[in-house]
Amino acid sequence: MDPTAGTVDLPGAWMRGGTSKCWIFAADAVAALPLDLDVVLANAFGSGDLRQIDGVGGATSTTSKAAVVSRSTSPGADVDYLFGQVGIAERGVEWGSNCGNCATAVGLYAVQEGLVAVEGDVTTVRLRNLNTGAILQTAVATPGGRAPRTGEALVPGVESGGVDVELAFRGPFDLDRSFPTRRPSQIVSAGGTTAEASLVAAGAPAILIDAPSVAMTATENADEIAERLPMLTAFRAEGAVRHGLVPPGGPVPHAVPKTGVVGPAADYRTASGKLVRAQDYDIAVRMLSMHAAHPAIGLTSAVAVAVAAARRGSVVHARVGDDRQSLRIGTLAGVVEVAWNRSSPREVEAVSLRRAARRLATAVVHIPISDRPRPARRQPDVHPPATAELAVSL
């Protein structure tokens, strides 16, 4: 590392997890750099340019993500990871949320890097998300007791296979406390529009809006979502206030609250043109991601939808009814299935999804030192303590 050269070197792994791509860096390597973490990631990704031409970012919300990983200091976890949603047109990094797709990649990375020992044909990796304190668990396919390079598992929105990974978000998710207003749904007004919505804090803070109440179906395509973006963005801002993330009129984070519309199952076509019949799924969902339609659904958003489905009176439960332990969600990419189990009538113990992950590259990123403006936001410690309160509520 030669500061006079104008760049510093950071080794990393470029991973696909589900429908996202995530750069993964070892915490020790990041800590050795003479730059704040915000600056490291913003400079590495080319943040501040809509195309991220001068960096390794992919110029979309699902491809401008990073994780900093280390062995865990917690007795309840094997691996700690800090997730960063790296800005695209706007410089900076948001640290206020988690990413389930990246967590899937972190699970495979941990096996491949020897952060956990391989255990037969399936290896369990317990993850602690340092942003929220949440505990997740991955079950990574390790056939023959070996860390795999690739696999045949498929997920909607990706045409090629990857290593099979089951991801479980551990709760418990209390069906009262997971709704910050203590109501399963309420009337919310934003930007001159009034709608019925559920505010859920499970997986990530989310606002789920009943689609018909805003003249939508939740089967809209990406262009139709874009036309409604001002209205949906207003609801995201109101949701942030009601979640207690910001004061009224305060600046709203780009990553949270997760914002989407939910509606009854109906025939629709995916972004690739495939016809999805109403009988093949249970509820239609369209989510936002960094000021655009999410190409599928983020896994933290899927957790919020699942917990809402388990809570009588929510806008999701109103569409799918009682006595469920799984849900087929119709998204722009296709049908994503989420399952949960209860520890009691008032608690969801865990929410799980099946994903696929693959390492795309092992590389050294050459990061400019000082020729770009410094983001104003201070980065968090890469080893903050988890709290029981966060683990329960998020």
Protein backbone atom coordinates (compact mmCIF):
# COMPACT_ATOMS: atom_id res chain seq x y z
CA MET A 1 0.00 0.00 0.00
CA ASP A 2 1.74 3.15 -1.22
CA PRO A 3 -0.08 6.41 -0.35
CA THR A 4 2.03 8.32 -2.87
CA ALA A 5 0.57 6.23 -5.70
CA GLY A 6 -2.87 7.83 -5.30
CA THR A 7 -4.67 4.54 -4.62
CA VAL A 8 -4.83 1.85 -1.96
CA ASP A 9 -5.48 -1.82 -2.61
CA LEU A 10 -8.29 -3.80 -1.02
CA PRO A 11 -8.77 -7.52 -1.74
CA GLY A 12 -12.34 -8.69 -1.97
CA ALA A 13 -14.80 -11.21 -3.35
CA TRP A 14 -17.57 -10.30 -5.77
CA MET A 15 -20.57 -12.48 -4.94
CA ARG A 16 -24.07 -13.02 -6.21
CA GLY A 17 -26.62 -13.71 -3.52
CA GLY A 18 -30.14 -14.34 -4.77
CA THR A 19 -30.98 -11.43 -7.08
CA SER A 20 -28.29 -9.07 -5.77
CA LYS A 21 -24.56 -8.66 -6.28
CA CYS A 22 -22.41 -7.73 -3.31
CA TRP A 23 -18.72 -6.98 -2.82
CA ILE A 24 -17.45 -8.68 0.34
CA PHE A 25 -14.36 -7.43 2.16
CA ALA A 26 -12.57 -8.80 5.24
CA ALA A 27 -12.85 -6.46 8.22
CA ASP A 28 -9.12 -6.71 8.97
CA ALA A 29 -8.23 -5.62 5.44
CA VAL A 30 -10.62 -2.65 5.65
CA ALA A 31 -9.28 -1.61 9.05
CA ALA A 32 -5.74 -1.49 7.66
CA LEU A 33 -6.63 1.21 5.12
CA PRO A 34 -5.86 4.91 5.83
CA LEU A 35 -9.43 5.92 4.92
CA ASP A 36 -12.83 5.97 6.62
CA LEU A 37 -15.11 3.16 5.54
CA ASP A 38 -17.59 5.53 3.89
CA VAL A 39 -14.80 6.92 1.73
CA VAL A 40 -13.44 3.45 0.93
CA LEU A 41 -16.78 2.23 -0.41
CA ALA A 42 -17.87 5.44 -2.13
CA ASN A 43 -14.54 5.68 -3.95
CA ALA A 44 -14.38 1.97 -4.74
CA PHE A 45 -17.88 1.88 -6.23
CA GLY A 46 -17.66 5.17 -8.12
CA SER A 47 -20.45 6.64 -6.02
CA GLY A 48 -21.63 10.08 -7.14
CA ASP A 49 -22.00 9.08 -10.79
CA LEU A 50 -25.32 7.69 -12.00
CA ARG A 51 -23.38 5.16 -14.13
CA GLN A 52 -20.66 4.42 -11.54
CA ILE A 53 -18.25 4.33 -14.47
CA ASP A 54 -15.12 4.93 -12.39
CA GLY A 55 -15.74 2.15 -9.89
CA VAL A 56 -16.90 -1.41 -9.33
CA GLY A 57 -20.55 -0.53 -8.65
CA GLY A 58 -23.24 -1.85 -10.95
CA ALA A 59 -25.29 1.38 -11.11
CA THR A 60 -28.46 -0.22 -9.70
CA SER A 61 -29.70 -0.64 -6.15
CA THR A 62 -29.26 -4.42 -6.31
CA THR A 63 -25.68 -4.22 -7.59
CA SER A 64 -24.30 -1.39 -5.44
CA LYS A 65 -23.93 -3.27 -2.19
CA ALA A 66 -21.06 -4.19 0.12
CA ALA A 67 -20.46 -6.26 3.23
CA VAL A 68 -17.56 -6.17 5.68
CA VAL A 69 -17.09 -9.58 7.28
CA SER A 70 -15.22 -11.08 10.22
CA ARG A 71 -15.41 -13.98 12.65
CA SER A 72 -17.98 -13.14 15.29
CA THR A 73 -17.23 -12.01 18.81
CA SER A 74 -20.72 -13.12 19.90
CA PRO A 75 -21.33 -16.60 21.39
CA GLY A 76 -24.57 -16.82 19.37
CA ALA A 77 -22.98 -16.28 15.95
CA ASP A 78 -20.14 -17.54 13.79
CA VAL A 79 -19.73 -14.51 11.53
CA ASP A 80 -20.36 -10.77 11.89
CA TYR A 81 -21.15 -8.67 8.85
CA LEU A 82 -21.78 -4.98 8.30
CA PHE A 83 -23.95 -4.18 5.27
CA GLY A 84 -23.61 -0.98 3.25
CA GLN A 85 -25.98 0.25 0.53
CA VAL A 86 -23.64 2.37 -1.56
CA GLY A 87 -25.05 5.48 -3.17
CA ILE A 88 -25.18 5.70 -6.95
CA ALA A 89 -25.87 9.25 -8.17
CA GLU A 90 -25.51 10.53 -4.61
CA ARG A 91 -22.20 9.96 -2.86
CA GLY A 92 -22.25 8.18 0.45
CA VAL A 93 -23.23 4.91 2.08
CA GLU A 94 -26.38 4.04 4.03
CA TRP A 95 -25.95 1.83 7.08
CA GLY A 96 -29.51 1.76 8.39
CA SER A 97 -30.67 -1.57 6.96
CA ASN A 98 -29.82 -5.18 6.29
CA CYS A 99 -29.83 -7.16 3.03
CA GLY A 100 -30.94 -10.78 3.00
CA ASN A 101 -29.59 -11.49 -0.47
CA CYS A 102 -26.15 -10.29 0.61
CA ALA A 103 -26.46 -12.35 3.79
CA THR A 104 -26.89 -15.40 1.55
CA ALA A 105 -23.63 -14.51 -0.19
CA VAL A 106 -21.92 -13.94 3.18
CA GLY A 107 -22.92 -17.46 4.25
CA LEU A 108 -21.29 -18.99 1.17
CA TYR A 109 -18.25 -16.69 1.52
CA ALA A 110 -17.78 -17.80 5.14
CA VAL A 111 -17.70 -21.45 4.07
CA GLN A 112 -15.34 -20.81 1.16
CA GLU A 113 -12.98 -18.70 3.27
CA GLY A 114 -12.85 -21.18 6.15
CA LEU A 115 -14.51 -18.86 8.66
CA VAL A 116 -16.61 -21.90 9.63
CA ALA A 117 -15.81 -25.59 9.38
CA VAL A 118 -17.64 -27.60 6.73
CA GLU A 119 -20.17 -30.02 8.27
CA GLY A 120 -21.15 -32.80 5.88
CA ASP A 121 -23.51 -32.10 2.99
CA VAL A 122 -25.03 -28.97 4.58
CA THR A 123 -23.09 -26.44 6.67
CA THR A 124 -24.85 -24.05 9.05
CA VAL A 125 -23.48 -20.51 9.36
CA ARG A 126 -24.92 -18.23 12.04
CA LEU A 127 -24.68 -14.58 11.04
CA ARG A 128 -24.93 -11.43 13.14
CA ASN A 129 -25.89 -8.33 11.18
CA LEU A 130 -24.06 -5.44 12.83
CA ASN A 131 -26.38 -2.79 11.37
CA THR A 132 -29.43 -4.05 13.22
CA GLY A 133 -28.24 -6.69 15.68
CA ALA A 134 -30.42 -9.26 13.89
CA ILE A 135 -29.38 -12.92 13.93
CA LEU A 136 -29.70 -14.88 10.70
CA GLN A 137 -28.85 -18.46 9.89
CA THR A 138 -27.76 -19.89 6.56
CA ALA A 139 -27.71 -23.56 5.59
CA VAL A 140 -25.16 -23.79 2.76
CA ALA A 141 -25.03 -26.84 0.50
CA THR A 142 -21.59 -28.45 0.90
CA PRO A 143 -21.93 -31.73 -1.02
CA GLY A 144 -19.33 -34.31 -0.13
CA GLY A 145 -18.15 -32.14 2.75
CA ARG A 146 -16.53 -29.59 0.45
CA ALA A 147 -17.04 -25.87 -0.08
CA PRO A 148 -18.67 -25.59 -3.53
CA ARG A 149 -17.81 -23.14 -6.27
CA THR A 150 -21.15 -23.37 -8.05
CA GLY A 151 -24.44 -25.25 -8.08
CA GLU A 152 -27.72 -25.78 -9.86
CA ALA A 153 -30.14 -23.96 -7.54
CA LEU A 154 -32.28 -21.34 -9.29
CA VAL A 155 -34.18 -18.29 -8.06
CA PRO A 156 -36.72 -16.12 -9.93
CA GLY A 157 -34.98 -13.28 -11.71
CA VAL A 158 -31.71 -15.14 -12.40
CA GLU A 159 -31.32 -17.52 -15.32
CA SER A 160 -28.20 -19.36 -14.11
CA GLY A 161 -27.70 -21.63 -11.13
CA GLY A 162 -25.82 -21.20 -7.89
CA VAL A 163 -25.10 -22.89 -4.59
CA ASP A 164 -28.28 -23.73 -2.68
CA VAL A 165 -28.57 -21.63 0.50
CA GLU A 166 -31.49 -21.54 2.89
CA LEU A 167 -31.65 -18.27 4.83
CA ALA A 168 -33.56 -17.96 8.08
CA PHE A 169 -34.22 -14.68 9.89
CA ARG A 170 -34.33 -15.57 13.57
CA GLY A 171 -36.85 -13.81 15.79
CA PRO A 172 -38.87 -14.05 17.73
CA PHE A 173 -41.03 -11.50 15.92
CA ASP A 174 -43.68 -10.41 18.39
CA LEU A 175 -46.92 -9.81 16.49
CA ASP A 176 -47.65 -6.69 18.52
CA ARG A 177 -44.19 -5.16 18.90
CA SER A 178 -43.32 -5.80 15.25
CA PHE A 179 -45.93 -3.17 14.39
CA PRO A 180 -44.50 0.09 15.79
CA THR A 181 -47.89 1.82 16.04
CA ARG A 182 -49.26 -1.32 17.77
CA ARG A 183 -51.94 -1.48 15.08
CA PRO A 184 -51.92 -4.01 12.26
CA SER A 185 -53.08 -1.38 9.77
CA GLN A 186 -54.08 2.27 9.70
CA ILE A 187 -55.13 5.04 7.37
CA VAL A 188 -52.07 6.98 6.21
CA SER A 189 -52.12 10.26 4.28
CA ALA A 190 -49.12 11.38 2.25
CA GLY A 191 -48.66 13.73 -0.67
CA GLY A 192 -52.38 14.38 -0.98
CA THR A 193 -53.27 10.67 -1.15
CA THR A 194 -54.88 8.55 1.58
CA ALA A 195 -54.40 4.80 1.82
CA GLU A 196 -54.67 1.85 4.16
CA ALA A 197 -51.21 0.63 5.15
CA SER A 198 -49.37 -1.61 7.59
CA LEU A 199 -46.18 -0.44 9.29
CA VAL A 200 -44.00 -3.46 10.05
CA ALA A 201 -40.59 -3.69 11.76
CA ALA A 202 -39.48 -7.21 10.90
CA GLY A 203 -36.54 -7.93 8.62
CA ALA A 204 -36.39 -4.18 8.09
CA PRO A 205 -38.71 -1.25 8.81
CA ALA A 206 -41.38 -1.33 6.08
CA ILE A 207 -44.58 0.35 5.00
CA LEU A 208 -46.91 -1.93 3.03
CA ILE A 209 -49.73 -0.13 1.25
CA ASP A 210 -53.00 -1.70 0.14
CA ALA A 211 -52.75 -1.37 -3.66
CA PRO A 212 -56.44 -0.74 -4.50
CA SER A 213 -56.57 2.13 -2.00
CA VAL A 214 -54.03 4.00 -4.18
CA ALA A 215 -55.61 2.89 -7.48
CA MET A 216 -52.99 0.20 -8.09
CA THR A 217 -53.06 -3.60 -8.47
CA ALA A 218 -49.51 -4.54 -7.29
CA THR A 219 -49.06 -6.30 -10.65
CA GLU A 220 -47.70 -3.17 -12.37
CA ASN A 221 -44.52 -3.32 -14.44
CA ALA A 222 -41.42 -1.26 -13.69
CA ASP A 223 -42.45 1.62 -15.97
CA GLU A 224 -45.87 1.83 -14.32
CA ILE A 225 -44.21 1.85 -10.89
CA ALA A 226 -41.95 4.69 -12.06
CA GLU A 227 -45.00 6.76 -12.98
CA ARG A 228 -46.26 6.43 -9.41
CA LEU A 229 -42.89 7.03 -7.79
CA PRO A 230 -43.69 10.54 -6.45
CA MET A 231 -46.77 9.22 -4.66
CA LEU A 232 -44.98 6.16 -3.28
CA THR A 233 -41.99 8.25 -2.20
CA ALA A 234 -44.34 10.47 -0.19
CA PHE A 235 -45.63 7.38 1.62
CA ARG A 236 -42.04 6.28 2.28
CA ALA A 237 -41.34 9.64 3.92
CA GLU A 238 -44.47 9.36 6.06
CA GLY A 239 -43.54 5.79 6.94
CA ALA A 240 -40.10 6.92 8.09
CA VAL A 241 -41.71 9.36 10.52
CA ARG A 242 -44.19 6.80 11.85
CA HIS A 243 -41.38 4.27 12.33
CA GLY A 244 -39.49 6.87 14.33
CA LEU A 245 -36.56 6.83 11.88
CA VAL A 246 -36.68 10.60 11.31
CA PRO A 247 -38.54 13.58 12.81
CA PRO A 248 -41.34 15.17 10.77
CA GLY A 249 -39.79 16.98 7.83
CA GLY A 250 -36.39 15.34 8.38
CA PRO A 251 -34.27 13.83 5.59
CA VAL A 252 -35.42 10.30 4.76
CA PRO A 253 -32.88 7.48 4.25
CA HIS A 254 -32.89 5.96 0.78
CA ALA A 255 -32.77 2.34 1.97
CA VAL A 256 -35.47 2.36 4.68
CA PRO A 257 -38.28 2.12 5.30
CA LYS A 258 -38.88 -0.53 2.68
CA THR A 259 -41.92 0.63 0.72
CA GLY A 260 -44.33 -1.40 -1.36
CA VAL A 261 -47.86 -2.11 -2.44
CA VAL A 262 -49.73 -5.37 -1.93
CA GLY A 263 -52.78 -6.64 -3.80
CA PRO A 264 -54.74 -9.76 -4.73
CA ALA A 265 -53.26 -12.36 -7.04
CA ALA A 266 -54.00 -11.71 -10.71
CA ASP A 267 -52.46 -12.78 -13.99
CA TYR A 268 -49.39 -10.71 -14.93
CA ARG A 269 -46.16 -10.89 -16.88
CA THR A 270 -42.71 -10.75 -15.32
CA ALA A 271 -40.03 -8.32 -16.43
CA SER A 272 -38.78 -11.02 -18.83
CA GLY A 273 -42.26 -11.49 -20.33
CA LYS A 274 -43.18 -14.77 -18.63
CA LEU A 275 -46.88 -15.17 -17.83
CA VAL A 276 -47.68 -15.80 -14.16
CA ARG A 277 -51.18 -17.08 -13.48
CA ALA A 278 -53.17 -15.94 -10.46
CA GLN A 279 -53.57 -19.53 -9.23
CA ASP A 280 -49.79 -19.94 -9.02
CA TYR A 281 -49.24 -17.45 -6.19
CA ASP A 282 -50.98 -15.94 -3.17
CA ILE A 283 -50.35 -12.19 -3.12
CA ALA A 284 -48.96 -9.60 -5.51
CA VAL A 285 -46.23 -7.29 -4.18
CA ARG A 286 -44.28 -4.47 -5.78
CA MET A 287 -41.47 -2.91 -3.74
CA LEU A 288 -39.32 0.17 -4.21
CA SER A 289 -35.54 0.08 -4.00
CA MET A 290 -33.47 3.27 -4.04
CA HIS A 291 -36.05 5.35 -5.99
CA ALA A 292 -37.02 2.63 -8.48
CA ALA A 293 -39.05 -0.55 -8.70
CA HIS A 294 -37.23 -3.46 -7.08
CA PRO A 295 -36.59 -6.10 -9.77
CA ALA A 296 -37.90 -8.81 -7.43
CA ILE A 297 -38.27 -8.38 -3.66
CA GLY A 298 -35.59 -7.83 -1.06
CA LEU A 299 -35.45 -10.62 1.49
CA THR A 300 -35.86 -8.21 4.39
CA SER A 301 -39.01 -6.95 2.64
CA ALA A 302 -40.18 -10.55 2.23
CA VAL A 303 -39.78 -11.03 6.00
CA ALA A 304 -41.93 -7.96 6.62
CA VAL A 305 -44.60 -9.34 4.26
CA ALA A 306 -44.49 -12.73 6.01
CA VAL A 307 -44.85 -11.26 9.50
CA ALA A 308 -47.70 -9.07 8.26
CA ALA A 309 -49.38 -12.18 6.83
CA ALA A 310 -49.23 -13.75 10.29
CA ARG A 311 -50.88 -10.72 11.92
CA ARG A 312 -54.67 -10.60 11.70
CA GLY A 313 -55.89 -7.22 10.44
CA SER A 314 -52.83 -6.28 8.38
CA VAL A 315 -53.18 -5.37 4.71
CA VAL A 316 -51.41 -8.64 3.84
CA HIS A 317 -53.52 -10.83 6.12
CA ALA A 318 -56.66 -9.26 4.66
CA ARG A 319 -55.64 -10.72 1.28
CA VAL A 320 -54.44 -14.20 2.33
CA GLY A 321 -56.41 -15.18 5.45
CA ASP A 322 -55.61 -17.36 8.47
CA ASP A 323 -53.73 -20.59 9.20
CA ARG A 324 -50.76 -20.02 6.93
CA GLN A 325 -47.14 -21.00 7.37
CA SER A 326 -45.95 -20.01 3.92
CA LEU A 327 -46.71 -17.47 1.23
CA ARG A 328 -46.08 -17.32 -2.51
CA ILE A 329 -45.30 -13.70 -3.43
CA GLY A 330 -45.79 -12.54 -7.01
CA THR A 331 -42.94 -10.12 -7.90
CA LEU A 332 -41.59 -8.50 -11.05
CA ALA A 333 -39.11 -11.39 -11.35
CA GLY A 334 -41.58 -14.18 -10.64
CA VAL A 335 -42.86 -16.05 -7.60
CA VAL A 336 -40.80 -15.99 -4.40
CA GLU A 337 -41.85 -18.32 -1.58
CA VAL A 338 -41.37 -17.44 2.07
CA ALA A 339 -42.14 -19.69 5.05
CA TRP A 340 -42.37 -19.15 8.79
CA ASN A 341 -42.99 -21.01 12.00
CA ARG A 342 -44.58 -19.76 15.19
CA SER A 343 -43.22 -20.16 18.69
CA SER A 344 -46.64 -19.12 20.07
CA PRO A 345 -49.90 -17.68 18.73
CA ARG A 346 -48.44 -14.18 19.23
CA GLU A 347 -44.92 -14.78 17.94
CA VAL A 348 -43.23 -15.83 14.72
CA GLU A 349 -40.06 -17.71 15.66
CA ALA A 350 -38.28 -17.49 12.29
CA VAL A 351 -38.86 -16.65 8.63
CA SER A 352 -36.98 -18.56 5.94
CA LEU A 353 -36.39 -18.44 2.19
CA ARG A 354 -34.36 -20.51 -0.28
CA ARG A 355 -31.76 -18.64 -2.32
CA ALA A 356 -28.80 -19.38 -4.57
CA ALA A 357 -25.34 -17.83 -4.32
CA ARG A 358 -22.13 -17.89 -6.34
CA ARG A 359 -18.71 -16.27 -6.22
CA LEU A 360 -18.25 -14.24 -9.39
CA ALA A 361 -14.68 -13.06 -8.87
CA THR A 362 -11.82 -12.79 -6.42
CA ALA A 363 -10.10 -9.45 -7.00
CA VAL A 364 -8.07 -6.55 -5.67
CA VAL A 365 -9.86 -3.20 -5.89
CA HIS A 366 -7.64 -0.15 -6.46
CA ILE A 367 -9.28 2.65 -4.50
CA PRO A 368 -8.50 6.37 -5.05
CA ILE A 369 -7.33 8.06 -1.88
CA SER A 370 -8.25 11.73 -1.98
CA ASP A 371 -9.31 12.94 -5.41
CA ARG A 372 -13.00 12.76 -4.54
CA PRO A 373 -15.05 14.72 -1.99
CA ARG A 374 -15.43 13.09 1.38
CA PRO A 375 -18.97 11.97 2.39
CA ALA A 376 -20.25 13.92 5.36
CA ARG A 377 -21.75 10.92 7.19
CA ARG A 378 -19.46 9.17 9.65
CA GLN A 379 -19.27 5.42 9.24
CA PRO A 380 -20.24 3.12 12.11
CA ASP A 381 -17.76 0.99 13.98
CA VAL A 382 -17.25 -2.28 12.11
CA HIS A 383 -17.76 -4.21 15.35
CA PRO A 384 -20.65 -2.46 17.19
CA PRO A 385 -22.35 -4.50 19.91
CA ALA A 386 -25.63 -6.18 19.08
CA THR A 387 -28.54 -5.45 21.42
CA ALA A 388 -31.38 -7.69 22.45
CA GLU A 389 -33.88 -4.94 21.65
CA LEU A 390 -32.70 -4.64 18.06
CA ALA A 391 -32.56 -8.39 17.63
CA VAL A 392 -36.20 -8.62 18.62
CA SER A 393 -37.59 -5.60 16.80
CA LEU A 394 -35.69 -5.89 13.52
